[in-house]
Amino acid sequence: MTSSTEQTPVPEAPAGAGQATSPAQPLAGHAQPAPASGGASASASDRAVARGEGLLPPEATLDLTPLEAVLSAGALVTDPDVVLAHSQDRAIFSPVGRARGLVRARSIEDVQAVMRFASEHRVPVIPQGTRTGLAGAANATDGALLLSLAAMDQVLEIDTVEQTARVQPGVVNRQLKNALAPHGLAYPPDPGSVDISSLGGNVATNAGGLCCVKYGVTKDYVRQLTVVLADGSLTTLGRPTAKGVAGFDLASLFVGSEGSLGVVVEIVFDLIPAIPPPLTGVALFDDIKHAGSTITEFMASGATPSLLEIIDGVTIGFLNDYGDFGLPDGAAAMILVQSNGDGSLEAAAEELAAFQRVAEAQGATEVTVSDDPEDSELFVAARRAVAPAMEKFAATQGGGELIDDVCVPRKALTEFFARMELIAAEHQVITSVAGHAGDGNMHPAVVFDARDEESTRRAHAAFDAIMEAGLELGGTITGEHGVGVLKNTWLARELDPVSQRLHLAIKRELDPLGILSPGKMLGELGG
């Protein structure tokens, strides 16, 4: 596969992916939330940078031969079918544009070459990992170069003295965990996509996961980042040592930036000793609001569970239809809790006994505790199977599913569940809830008939109502999936005007041409 001396024919966007656009436009069918009011608004020039205004028009001819000449052999792909196959992440109803080509970077030098070429010709660049995201951040925009880091997939070093791992961004999360196990070390963040998501992508969205209620999220383990900036320059951010306060904490600025500020090409993670095996508890409820109050009271007691998840009755039905997990039918909600007692089985047992007392006091219909590792693995496997189980069910309802990612204060969980019930009734849609109860990060979903215009309209309205509820309850529009295109209009709602101005000023300073992920995460800021 070779490059073309003219712009290659751009493939059609995948069916159901939305209107191709450059820069990306707000999610079709969603209400556009009003921007936050106040002064200190961003400048028109900063807004233009974030939206990618002034870049090379998508229809303009561009000779890619000079780029191909400085890349690794075969790195540049312009075959329309291949480019199309790499043009979308797992978000539905997010715009997908028509890219000029795909670069499968194999080295830092490849990434630098792409950014220098893109800066010279004002071409947008969309950094990508394994494209498991749920917000459209990795989706192609018209005329862009897709920059895949997936082939940079080596664990470069494991330092048992410093307790760090140096990795390339394409390493899959599970791959690192497996490499650390023989050394008695662990990298805790474990998103639901642990078996398929890349660590570079985890950094880009500040991914969390099931055990993060105790061990924290991606940002808590990033010691150092090597980053290629928009002009192709290379910098190392962070610290080489366990402690270090020299200069601003710029590494943290790039965690969660979704490829809008630079391209992460190497990561040094802090590690911890291997996590002890846990004891597992399960509580069933006939009212999800009782489950919410259980979570609130248990965490208020000072508990430190290593996992605290919730699955509602609708989701239990999805899972029972999907596989044999031994989950009980008829419950309105199930809480899955684990405690490892920091290595003490006695402490773990005491913590789960405390959970049982709280759950029963809050109206649990059944509470069981097990020290059988097979039980633990089965329940965790069920929790991780929520996404494919929902996908299977959605296929029977017309294929539509919108997965949300709001995070609310733990004390607001009971009210959030009550609002979910009202939203489902008001909009006449099927909703479900599963999530990381211990830190308030919920993944409510709306299932609908994507073939039916009215069903789709109601689903979008329900999705918006869920995000509105999250904000009203003092939460955030995204706990770990990121903003991307799916929620960029809502980011403008959540951030105050001064914060928006700061975001855009940082973007302008690091990417003055606006070539990195234009119109995505920051595309609706500044009014």
Protein backbone atom coordinates (compact mmCIF):
# COMPACT_ATOMS: atom_id res chain seq x y z
CA MET A 1 0.00 0.00 0.00
CA THR A 2 1.50 3.29 -1.00
CA SER A 3 0.69 6.94 -0.68
CA SER A 4 -0.73 9.02 -3.47
CA THR A 5 0.67 12.17 -4.96
CA GLU A 6 -2.84 13.57 -4.80
CA GLN A 7 -5.50 13.35 -2.17
CA THR A 8 -6.75 9.79 -2.11
CA PRO A 9 -10.46 9.12 -2.67
CA VAL A 10 -12.00 9.38 0.74
CA PRO A 11 -14.22 6.47 1.83
CA GLU A 12 -17.80 6.86 2.88
CA ALA A 13 -18.39 7.15 6.61
CA PRO A 14 -19.71 4.00 8.30
CA ALA A 15 -23.48 3.61 8.40
CA GLY A 16 -25.05 5.22 11.44
CA ALA A 17 -21.91 7.11 12.28
CA GLY A 18 -23.41 10.52 11.68
CA GLN A 19 -22.71 13.23 9.17
CA ALA A 20 -19.08 13.54 8.09
CA THR A 21 -17.83 16.93 9.16
CA SER A 22 -14.67 18.90 9.71
CA PRO A 23 -14.25 20.06 12.33
CA ALA A 24 -16.57 17.75 14.20
CA GLN A 25 -20.01 19.14 14.98
CA PRO A 26 -22.13 18.55 18.11
CA LEU A 27 -23.90 15.23 18.40
CA ALA A 28 -26.90 15.20 16.08
CA GLY A 29 -30.23 14.98 17.84
CA HIS A 30 -28.97 16.25 21.19
CA ALA A 31 -30.16 19.42 22.81
CA GLN A 32 -27.42 22.02 22.82
CA PRO A 33 -26.84 23.13 26.41
CA ALA A 34 -26.41 26.82 27.03
CA PRO A 35 -22.81 27.86 27.73
CA ALA A 36 -21.98 28.97 31.23
CA SER A 37 -22.54 32.65 31.78
CA GLY A 38 -20.05 35.20 33.04
CA GLY A 39 -17.13 37.29 31.99
CA ALA A 40 -13.54 36.58 31.05
CA SER A 41 -14.59 34.89 27.83
CA ALA A 42 -12.09 33.36 25.43
CA SER A 43 -10.87 35.27 22.39
CA ALA A 44 -12.17 34.57 18.92
CA SER A 45 -8.69 33.51 17.82
CA ASP A 46 -8.42 30.94 20.63
CA ARG A 47 -11.82 29.52 19.72
CA ALA A 48 -10.72 29.28 16.09
CA VAL A 49 -7.63 27.28 17.09
CA ALA A 50 -9.70 24.78 19.12
CA ARG A 51 -12.10 24.32 16.21
CA GLY A 52 -9.40 23.91 13.60
CA GLU A 53 -10.39 26.91 11.54
CA GLY A 54 -7.82 27.90 8.93
CA LEU A 55 -6.53 24.39 8.29
CA LEU A 56 -6.01 22.94 4.83
CA PRO A 57 -9.44 22.41 3.25
CA PRO A 58 -10.36 18.72 3.07
CA GLU A 59 -10.90 18.93 -0.69
CA ALA A 60 -7.44 20.39 -1.33
CA THR A 61 -4.86 18.22 -3.07
CA LEU A 62 -1.91 17.22 -0.92
CA ASP A 63 1.16 15.28 -1.98
CA LEU A 64 1.94 12.71 0.71
CA THR A 65 5.11 11.42 -0.98
CA PRO A 66 7.45 13.62 1.13
CA LEU A 67 5.84 12.25 4.28
CA GLU A 68 6.11 8.66 3.13
CA ALA A 69 9.81 9.15 2.40
CA VAL A 70 10.63 9.96 6.04
CA LEU A 71 8.46 7.32 7.68
CA SER A 72 9.18 3.68 8.45
CA ALA A 73 8.58 1.45 5.46
CA GLY A 74 4.89 0.74 5.03
CA ALA A 75 3.81 3.10 7.81
CA LEU A 76 1.69 5.28 5.53
CA VAL A 77 -1.53 3.72 4.28
CA THR A 78 -3.96 5.37 1.89
CA ASP A 79 -5.98 2.36 0.85
CA PRO A 80 -9.56 3.66 1.30
CA ASP A 81 -10.84 0.48 2.91
CA VAL A 82 -8.03 0.35 5.45
CA VAL A 83 -8.35 4.05 6.27
CA LEU A 84 -12.09 3.63 6.70
CA ALA A 85 -11.59 0.70 9.06
CA HIS A 86 -9.45 2.92 11.29
CA SER A 87 -11.74 5.96 11.18
CA GLN A 88 -13.98 5.29 14.17
CA ASP A 89 -13.86 4.32 17.82
CA ARG A 90 -16.74 2.61 19.64
CA ALA A 91 -18.93 5.67 20.08
CA ILE A 92 -22.09 5.64 18.04
CA PHE A 93 -23.84 8.80 16.89
CA SER A 94 -20.54 10.66 16.83
CA PRO A 95 -19.43 12.24 13.53
CA VAL A 96 -16.96 10.34 11.38
CA GLY A 97 -15.11 12.26 8.68
CA ARG A 98 -13.03 11.17 5.70
CA ALA A 99 -9.33 11.00 6.45
CA ARG A 100 -6.56 11.51 3.88
CA GLY A 101 -4.55 8.62 5.18
CA LEU A 102 -3.41 6.50 8.09
CA VAL A 103 0.06 6.42 9.62
CA ARG A 104 0.88 3.35 11.68
CA ALA A 105 3.75 4.80 13.67
CA ARG A 106 6.48 2.39 14.71
CA SER A 107 8.82 4.87 16.38
CA ILE A 108 9.03 8.27 18.01
CA GLU A 109 10.67 9.50 14.81
CA ASP A 110 7.59 8.48 12.82
CA VAL A 111 5.38 10.54 15.14
CA GLN A 112 7.70 13.53 14.88
CA ALA A 113 7.72 13.27 11.09
CA VAL A 114 3.91 13.26 10.96
CA MET A 115 3.60 16.30 13.19
CA ARG A 116 6.24 18.27 11.26
CA PHE A 117 4.53 17.49 7.97
CA ALA A 118 1.12 18.32 9.40
CA SER A 119 2.37 21.63 10.78
CA GLU A 120 3.97 22.58 7.49
CA HIS A 121 0.80 21.88 5.53
CA ARG A 122 -1.78 22.74 8.23
CA VAL A 123 -3.27 19.25 8.14
CA PRO A 124 -5.34 17.99 11.09
CA VAL A 125 -4.01 14.95 12.96
CA ILE A 126 -6.11 12.51 14.99
CA PRO A 127 -3.98 10.47 17.42
CA GLN A 128 -5.33 6.97 18.03
CA GLY A 129 -4.64 3.97 20.23
CA THR A 130 -6.69 0.80 19.90
CA ARG A 131 -9.88 2.86 19.30
CA THR A 132 -11.84 1.41 22.21
CA GLY A 133 -13.04 4.84 23.33
CA LEU A 134 -16.71 5.67 23.79
CA ALA A 135 -16.76 9.40 23.03
CA GLY A 136 -15.59 9.77 19.41
CA ALA A 137 -12.20 11.28 20.29
CA ALA A 138 -10.41 8.92 17.88
CA ASN A 139 -12.87 9.43 15.02
CA ALA A 140 -11.58 10.78 11.73
CA THR A 141 -12.30 14.35 10.66
CA ASP A 142 -12.39 15.42 7.03
CA GLY A 143 -8.94 15.75 5.48
CA ALA A 144 -7.11 14.50 8.57
CA LEU A 145 -4.19 12.16 8.98
CA LEU A 146 -4.96 9.33 11.39
CA LEU A 147 -1.94 8.70 13.61
CA SER A 148 -2.12 5.23 15.12
CA LEU A 149 0.20 4.43 18.05
CA ALA A 150 -1.04 0.84 18.34
CA ALA A 151 2.10 -0.67 16.79
CA MET A 152 4.31 1.00 19.41
CA ASP A 153 3.51 -1.80 21.82
CA GLN A 154 6.60 -2.73 23.80
CA VAL A 155 7.14 -2.87 27.54
CA LEU A 156 10.57 -1.27 27.48
CA GLU A 157 11.70 -1.63 31.08
CA ILE A 158 10.51 -2.87 34.47
CA ASP A 159 12.55 -1.40 37.33
CA THR A 160 11.94 -3.38 40.50
CA VAL A 161 14.03 -1.02 42.63
CA GLU A 162 12.22 2.16 41.57
CA GLN A 163 8.97 0.20 41.12
CA THR A 164 8.31 1.71 37.72
CA ALA A 165 7.53 0.46 34.23
CA ARG A 166 8.53 2.27 31.05
CA VAL A 167 6.20 1.47 28.17
CA GLN A 168 5.23 2.52 24.69
CA PRO A 169 1.70 3.90 24.26
CA GLY A 170 0.37 0.93 22.27
CA VAL A 171 0.89 -1.56 25.11
CA VAL A 172 -2.47 -3.02 26.12
CA ASN A 173 -3.35 -2.62 29.79
CA ARG A 174 -3.56 -6.38 30.41
CA GLN A 175 -0.21 -6.88 28.68
CA LEU A 176 1.50 -4.71 31.28
CA LYS A 177 -0.29 -6.44 34.15
CA ASN A 178 0.87 -9.83 32.88
CA ALA A 179 4.45 -8.58 32.50
CA LEU A 180 4.50 -7.27 36.07
CA ALA A 181 3.09 -10.35 37.78
CA PRO A 182 6.37 -12.36 37.85
CA HIS A 183 8.02 -9.42 39.60
CA GLY A 184 5.40 -9.20 42.33
CA LEU A 185 4.32 -5.76 41.13
CA ALA A 186 1.02 -4.31 39.97
CA TYR A 187 -0.38 -1.46 37.90
CA PRO A 188 -3.85 -1.03 39.43
CA PRO A 189 -6.03 0.95 36.95
CA ASP A 190 -8.28 -1.62 35.29
CA PRO A 191 -10.92 -0.17 32.98
CA GLY A 192 -13.63 -2.47 31.67
CA SER A 193 -11.62 -2.55 28.44
CA VAL A 194 -8.52 -3.81 30.29
CA ASP A 195 -8.00 -6.60 27.73
CA ILE A 196 -8.17 -4.37 24.65
CA SER A 197 -7.44 -0.75 25.54
CA SER A 198 -3.98 0.75 25.14
CA LEU A 199 -2.12 2.50 27.92
CA GLY A 200 -1.65 5.54 25.71
CA GLY A 201 -5.42 5.70 25.34
CA ASN A 202 -5.81 5.19 29.10
CA VAL A 203 -3.55 8.20 29.66
CA ALA A 204 -5.46 10.23 27.07
CA THR A 205 -8.75 9.74 28.94
CA ASN A 206 -7.39 9.31 32.48
CA ALA A 207 -9.06 5.91 32.58
CA GLY A 208 -10.28 4.40 35.82
CA GLY A 209 -11.80 1.02 36.46
CA LEU A 210 -13.14 -1.40 39.02
CA CYS A 211 -10.41 -1.24 41.66
CA CYS A 212 -9.92 2.52 41.52
CA VAL A 213 -12.16 3.12 44.55
CA LYS A 214 -9.11 2.09 46.59
CA TYR A 215 -6.15 2.44 44.28
CA GLY A 216 -6.89 5.51 42.17
CA VAL A 217 -6.98 6.22 38.44
CA THR A 218 -4.40 6.54 35.67
CA LYS A 219 -3.13 9.99 36.69
CA ASP A 220 -2.16 8.64 40.09
CA TYR A 221 0.44 6.37 38.46
CA VAL A 222 1.93 8.57 35.74
CA ARG A 223 5.46 9.51 36.76
CA GLN A 224 6.80 10.69 33.42
CA LEU A 225 5.61 11.23 29.85
CA THR A 226 7.54 11.66 26.63
CA VAL A 227 5.46 13.80 24.30
CA VAL A 228 5.69 14.95 20.69
CA LEU A 229 4.19 18.41 20.37
CA ALA A 230 2.27 19.80 17.42
CA ASP A 231 5.40 21.16 15.73
CA GLY A 232 7.23 17.83 16.03
CA SER A 233 9.42 18.82 18.96
CA LEU A 234 10.05 16.23 21.65
CA THR A 235 9.87 16.79 25.40
CA THR A 236 9.92 14.76 28.59
CA LEU A 237 7.51 15.85 31.31
CA GLY A 238 7.21 14.73 34.89
CA ARG A 239 9.93 13.50 37.20
CA PRO A 240 12.57 10.74 37.06
CA THR A 241 12.38 10.10 40.82
CA ALA A 242 9.78 9.07 43.38
CA LYS A 243 9.62 12.70 44.52
CA GLY A 244 10.17 15.86 42.52
CA VAL A 245 8.72 19.38 42.44
CA ALA A 246 10.95 21.10 39.88
CA GLY A 247 8.71 23.28 37.71
CA PHE A 248 5.04 22.95 36.90
CA ASP A 249 3.41 19.52 36.89
CA LEU A 250 3.05 19.52 33.11
CA ALA A 251 2.76 15.75 32.84
CA SER A 252 -0.60 15.93 34.61
CA LEU A 253 -1.75 18.50 32.06
CA PHE A 254 -1.50 15.88 29.32
CA VAL A 255 -3.31 13.15 31.27
CA GLY A 256 -6.92 13.32 30.13
CA SER A 257 -6.18 15.76 27.28
CA GLU A 258 -7.48 13.30 24.64
CA GLY A 259 -4.76 14.01 22.08
CA SER A 260 -5.56 17.72 21.91
CA LEU A 261 -2.23 19.01 23.25
CA GLY A 262 0.39 16.53 22.05
CA VAL A 263 1.08 12.89 21.25
CA VAL A 264 2.28 10.69 24.11
CA VAL A 265 5.00 8.36 22.81
CA GLU A 266 6.39 6.89 26.03
CA ILE A 267 5.12 6.54 29.59
CA VAL A 268 6.77 5.78 32.91
CA PHE A 269 4.25 4.41 35.39
CA ASP A 270 4.63 4.11 39.13
CA LEU A 271 3.82 0.63 40.42
CA ILE A 272 2.80 -0.94 43.72
CA PRO A 273 3.39 -4.37 45.25
CA ALA A 274 1.07 -7.09 43.98
CA ILE A 275 -2.49 -6.56 45.18
CA PRO A 276 -3.57 -9.21 47.74
CA PRO A 277 -6.44 -11.55 46.85
CA PRO A 278 -9.80 -10.31 48.15
CA LEU A 279 -12.85 -11.65 49.88
CA THR A 280 -16.09 -10.99 48.01
CA GLY A 281 -19.54 -9.97 49.14
CA VAL A 282 -22.84 -9.61 47.26
CA ALA A 283 -25.96 -7.79 48.41
CA LEU A 284 -29.35 -7.89 46.70
CA PHE A 285 -32.07 -5.25 46.92
CA ASP A 286 -35.68 -4.90 45.83
CA ASP A 287 -35.20 -1.13 45.40
CA ILE A 288 -32.09 0.40 43.83
CA LYS A 289 -32.43 3.45 46.05
CA HIS A 290 -31.77 1.21 49.06
CA ALA A 291 -28.60 0.08 47.31
CA GLY A 292 -27.64 3.73 46.89
CA SER A 293 -28.05 4.47 50.59
CA THR A 294 -26.01 1.34 51.40
CA ILE A 295 -23.10 2.63 49.33
CA THR A 296 -23.30 6.06 50.97
CA GLU A 297 -23.42 4.71 54.52
CA PHE A 298 -20.73 2.09 53.95
CA MET A 299 -18.24 4.57 52.53
CA ALA A 300 -19.11 7.11 55.23
CA SER A 301 -18.00 4.53 57.81
CA GLY A 302 -14.40 4.86 56.64
CA ALA A 303 -14.40 1.63 54.67
CA THR A 304 -11.69 1.06 52.06
CA PRO A 305 -13.04 -1.68 49.78
CA SER A 306 -10.85 -2.74 46.90
CA LEU A 307 -13.94 -2.92 44.68
CA LEU A 308 -17.49 -1.60 45.10
CA GLU A 309 -19.75 -1.98 42.06
CA ILE A 310 -23.47 -1.76 41.40
CA ILE A 311 -25.57 -3.52 38.77
CA ASP A 312 -29.27 -2.76 38.42
CA GLY A 313 -32.00 -5.30 37.71
CA VAL A 314 -32.22 -4.48 34.02
CA THR A 315 -28.50 -5.13 33.63
CA ILE A 316 -28.78 -8.38 35.59
CA GLY A 317 -31.31 -9.46 32.98
CA PHE A 318 -28.86 -8.58 30.18
CA LEU A 319 -26.14 -10.63 31.85
CA ASN A 320 -28.30 -13.68 32.48
CA ASP A 321 -29.28 -13.67 28.84
CA TYR A 322 -25.63 -13.31 27.80
CA GLY A 323 -23.93 -15.97 29.91
CA ASP A 324 -24.13 -18.27 32.92
CA PHE A 325 -22.94 -16.06 35.76
CA GLY A 326 -25.29 -17.43 38.40
CA LEU A 327 -26.93 -14.06 39.02
CA PRO A 328 -30.36 -14.07 40.70
CA ASP A 329 -33.40 -13.02 38.70
CA GLY A 330 -35.87 -10.54 40.12
CA ALA A 331 -33.56 -8.27 42.13
CA ALA A 332 -33.80 -4.53 41.52
CA ALA A 333 -30.09 -4.09 42.21
CA MET A 334 -26.96 -5.94 43.22
CA ILE A 335 -23.89 -4.55 44.96
CA LEU A 336 -20.61 -6.37 44.45
CA VAL A 337 -17.98 -5.58 47.08
CA GLN A 338 -14.46 -6.84 47.64
CA SER A 339 -11.96 -6.23 50.41
CA ASN A 340 -8.36 -7.38 50.54
CA GLY A 341 -7.62 -6.00 54.01
CA ASP A 342 -4.22 -4.86 52.71
CA GLY A 343 -3.13 -8.48 52.91
CA SER A 344 -4.95 -9.39 56.12
CA LEU A 345 -7.78 -11.88 55.66
CA GLU A 346 -9.01 -11.00 59.15
CA ALA A 347 -9.25 -7.30 58.26
CA ALA A 348 -10.97 -8.15 54.98
CA ALA A 349 -13.51 -10.33 56.79
CA GLU A 350 -14.19 -7.56 59.31
CA GLU A 351 -14.77 -5.04 56.52
CA LEU A 352 -17.23 -7.32 54.72
CA ALA A 353 -19.03 -8.02 58.00
CA ALA A 354 -19.41 -4.26 58.39
CA PHE A 355 -20.77 -4.07 54.85
CA GLN A 356 -23.31 -6.78 55.65
CA ARG A 357 -24.54 -4.88 58.69
CA VAL A 358 -24.95 -1.67 56.70
CA ALA A 359 -26.66 -3.40 53.76
CA GLU A 360 -29.14 -5.22 55.99
CA ALA A 361 -29.91 -2.01 57.86
CA GLN A 362 -30.63 -0.30 54.53
CA GLY A 363 -33.06 -2.98 53.38
CA ALA A 364 -30.99 -5.61 51.57
CA THR A 365 -33.00 -8.73 50.88
CA GLU A 366 -29.93 -10.98 50.89
CA VAL A 367 -26.23 -10.60 51.68
CA THR A 368 -23.63 -13.30 51.12
CA VAL A 369 -19.86 -13.36 51.64
CA SER A 370 -17.44 -15.81 50.04
CA ASP A 371 -13.75 -16.56 50.36
CA ASP A 372 -13.82 -18.79 47.27
CA PRO A 373 -11.60 -17.29 44.54
CA GLU A 374 -13.82 -18.87 41.87
CA ASP A 375 -16.82 -16.93 43.19
CA SER A 376 -14.80 -13.74 43.09
CA GLU A 377 -13.68 -14.33 39.52
CA LEU A 378 -17.20 -15.19 38.36
CA PHE A 379 -18.77 -12.04 39.81
CA VAL A 380 -16.02 -9.79 38.44
CA ALA A 381 -16.34 -11.50 35.06
CA ALA A 382 -20.07 -10.72 35.15
CA ARG A 383 -19.35 -7.06 35.88
CA ARG A 384 -16.87 -6.87 33.01
CA ALA A 385 -19.40 -8.52 30.69
CA VAL A 386 -21.94 -5.71 31.08
CA ALA A 387 -20.92 -3.98 27.83
CA PRO A 388 -21.14 -7.02 25.51
CA ALA A 389 -24.30 -8.22 27.28
CA MET A 390 -25.94 -4.86 26.67
CA GLU A 391 -24.79 -4.87 23.06
CA LYS A 392 -26.42 -8.26 22.56
CA PHE A 393 -29.70 -7.04 24.06
CA ALA A 394 -29.60 -3.80 22.07
CA ALA A 395 -29.30 -5.80 18.86
CA THR A 396 -32.73 -7.27 19.62
CA GLN A 397 -34.21 -3.79 20.09
CA GLY A 398 -32.96 -2.13 16.92
CA GLY A 399 -29.28 -1.77 17.75
CA GLY A 400 -29.25 1.58 19.52
CA GLU A 401 -27.35 2.12 22.75
CA LEU A 402 -26.04 5.30 24.34
CA ILE A 403 -23.64 4.69 27.23
CA ASP A 404 -23.20 7.54 29.68
CA ASP A 405 -20.37 8.17 32.11
CA VAL A 406 -21.53 10.65 34.71
CA CYS A 407 -19.88 10.81 38.11
CA VAL A 408 -21.75 12.17 41.10
CA PRO A 409 -20.87 12.61 44.77
CA ARG A 410 -21.46 9.38 46.65
CA LYS A 411 -24.00 11.09 48.88
CA ALA A 412 -26.07 11.89 45.76
CA LEU A 413 -26.32 8.30 44.48
CA THR A 414 -29.75 7.60 45.94
CA GLU A 415 -31.19 10.73 44.32
CA PHE A 416 -29.42 9.90 41.05
CA PHE A 417 -31.07 6.47 40.92
CA ALA A 418 -34.44 8.07 41.64
CA ARG A 419 -33.91 10.47 38.75
CA MET A 420 -32.96 7.63 36.44
CA GLU A 421 -36.35 6.02 37.11
CA LEU A 422 -38.12 9.30 36.33
CA ILE A 423 -36.10 9.82 33.13
CA ALA A 424 -36.95 6.33 31.85
CA ALA A 425 -40.65 6.91 32.50
CA GLU A 426 -40.74 10.42 31.07
CA HIS A 427 -38.98 9.55 27.82
CA GLN A 428 -40.41 6.04 27.46
CA VAL A 429 -37.04 4.37 26.95
CA ILE A 430 -35.22 1.35 28.35
CA THR A 431 -32.49 2.47 30.73
CA SER A 432 -29.98 0.50 32.74
CA VAL A 433 -27.33 1.36 35.32
CA ALA A 434 -24.04 -0.25 36.23
CA GLY A 435 -21.03 1.49 37.63
CA HIS A 436 -18.23 2.06 40.04
CA ALA A 437 -20.40 2.77 43.06
CA GLY A 438 -17.52 3.38 45.44
CA ASP A 439 -16.45 6.54 43.64
CA GLY A 440 -19.84 7.59 42.26
CA ASN A 441 -18.92 6.92 38.64
CA MET A 442 -22.07 5.57 37.01
CA HIS A 443 -22.51 4.14 33.51
CA PRO A 444 -26.21 4.55 32.82
CA ALA A 445 -27.29 3.48 29.35
CA VAL A 446 -30.23 4.03 27.04
CA VAL A 447 -31.27 1.20 24.70
CA PHE A 448 -33.46 2.07 21.73
CA ASP A 449 -34.41 1.29 18.14
CA ALA A 450 -31.84 3.11 16.04
CA ARG A 451 -33.94 2.45 12.93
CA ASP A 452 -36.84 4.47 14.28
CA GLU A 453 -36.60 8.27 14.28
CA GLU A 454 -38.95 8.78 17.23
CA SER A 455 -37.22 6.14 19.34
CA THR A 456 -33.87 7.74 18.56
CA ARG A 457 -35.18 11.20 19.49
CA ARG A 458 -36.45 9.97 22.85
CA ALA A 459 -33.15 8.21 23.54
CA HIS A 460 -31.12 11.35 22.87
CA ALA A 461 -33.45 13.36 25.10
CA ALA A 462 -33.01 10.81 27.88
CA PHE A 463 -29.22 10.86 27.43
CA ASP A 464 -29.23 14.64 27.81
CA ALA A 465 -31.47 14.41 30.86
CA ILE A 466 -29.03 12.00 32.51
CA MET A 467 -26.13 14.39 31.99
CA GLU A 468 -28.24 17.28 33.25
CA ALA A 469 -29.09 15.28 36.37
CA GLY A 470 -25.40 14.54 36.96
CA LEU A 471 -24.51 18.23 36.85
CA GLU A 472 -27.46 19.28 39.00
CA LEU A 473 -26.39 16.80 41.66
CA GLY A 474 -22.91 18.33 41.83
CA GLY A 475 -21.22 15.84 39.53
CA THR A 476 -19.39 15.81 36.22
CA ILE A 477 -20.35 14.78 32.69
CA THR A 478 -17.57 12.20 32.47
CA GLY A 479 -15.73 10.18 35.08
CA GLU A 480 -13.41 8.18 32.82
CA HIS A 481 -14.64 7.85 29.21
CA GLY A 482 -13.66 11.38 28.22
CA VAL A 483 -15.38 14.18 26.32
CA GLY A 484 -14.50 13.57 22.67
CA VAL A 485 -17.24 14.74 20.34
CA LEU A 486 -20.06 13.08 22.23
CA LYS A 487 -19.98 15.51 25.14
CA ASN A 488 -18.12 18.58 23.94
CA THR A 489 -21.20 20.79 24.09
CA TRP A 490 -21.70 19.66 27.68
CA LEU A 491 -18.10 20.47 28.59
CA ALA A 492 -18.95 24.09 27.87
CA ARG A 493 -21.81 23.75 30.34
CA GLU A 494 -19.66 22.26 33.09
CA LEU A 495 -16.66 24.60 32.90
CA ASP A 496 -16.98 28.22 34.01
CA PRO A 497 -15.92 30.98 31.58
CA VAL A 498 -12.50 31.51 33.17
CA SER A 499 -11.75 27.79 33.06
CA GLN A 500 -12.78 27.70 29.40
CA ARG A 501 -10.46 30.60 28.64
CA LEU A 502 -7.58 28.83 30.37
CA HIS A 503 -8.22 25.62 28.43
CA LEU A 504 -8.17 27.47 25.13
CA ALA A 505 -5.09 29.51 26.02
CA ILE A 506 -3.17 26.33 26.82
CA LYS A 507 -4.34 24.81 23.55
CA ARG A 508 -3.20 27.88 21.60
CA GLU A 509 0.22 27.85 23.25
CA LEU A 510 0.91 24.16 22.62
CA ASP A 511 -0.88 23.81 19.27
CA PRO A 512 -1.07 27.31 17.73
CA LEU A 513 -2.33 26.01 14.37
CA GLY A 514 -5.00 23.83 15.95
CA ILE A 515 -3.98 20.68 14.06
CA LEU A 516 -4.37 18.19 16.94
CA SER A 517 -7.87 16.74 17.25
CA PRO A 518 -9.61 19.91 16.04
CA GLY A 519 -13.25 20.42 16.98
CA LYS A 520 -13.32 17.58 19.48
CA MET A 521 -12.83 17.92 23.23
CA LEU A 522 -12.34 21.70 23.19
CA GLY A 523 -14.36 22.49 20.09
CA GLU A 524 -17.37 24.06 21.84
CA LEU A 525 -15.57 26.09 24.49
CA GLY A 526 -15.56 29.86 24.55
CA GLY A 527 -19.10 30.50 23.35
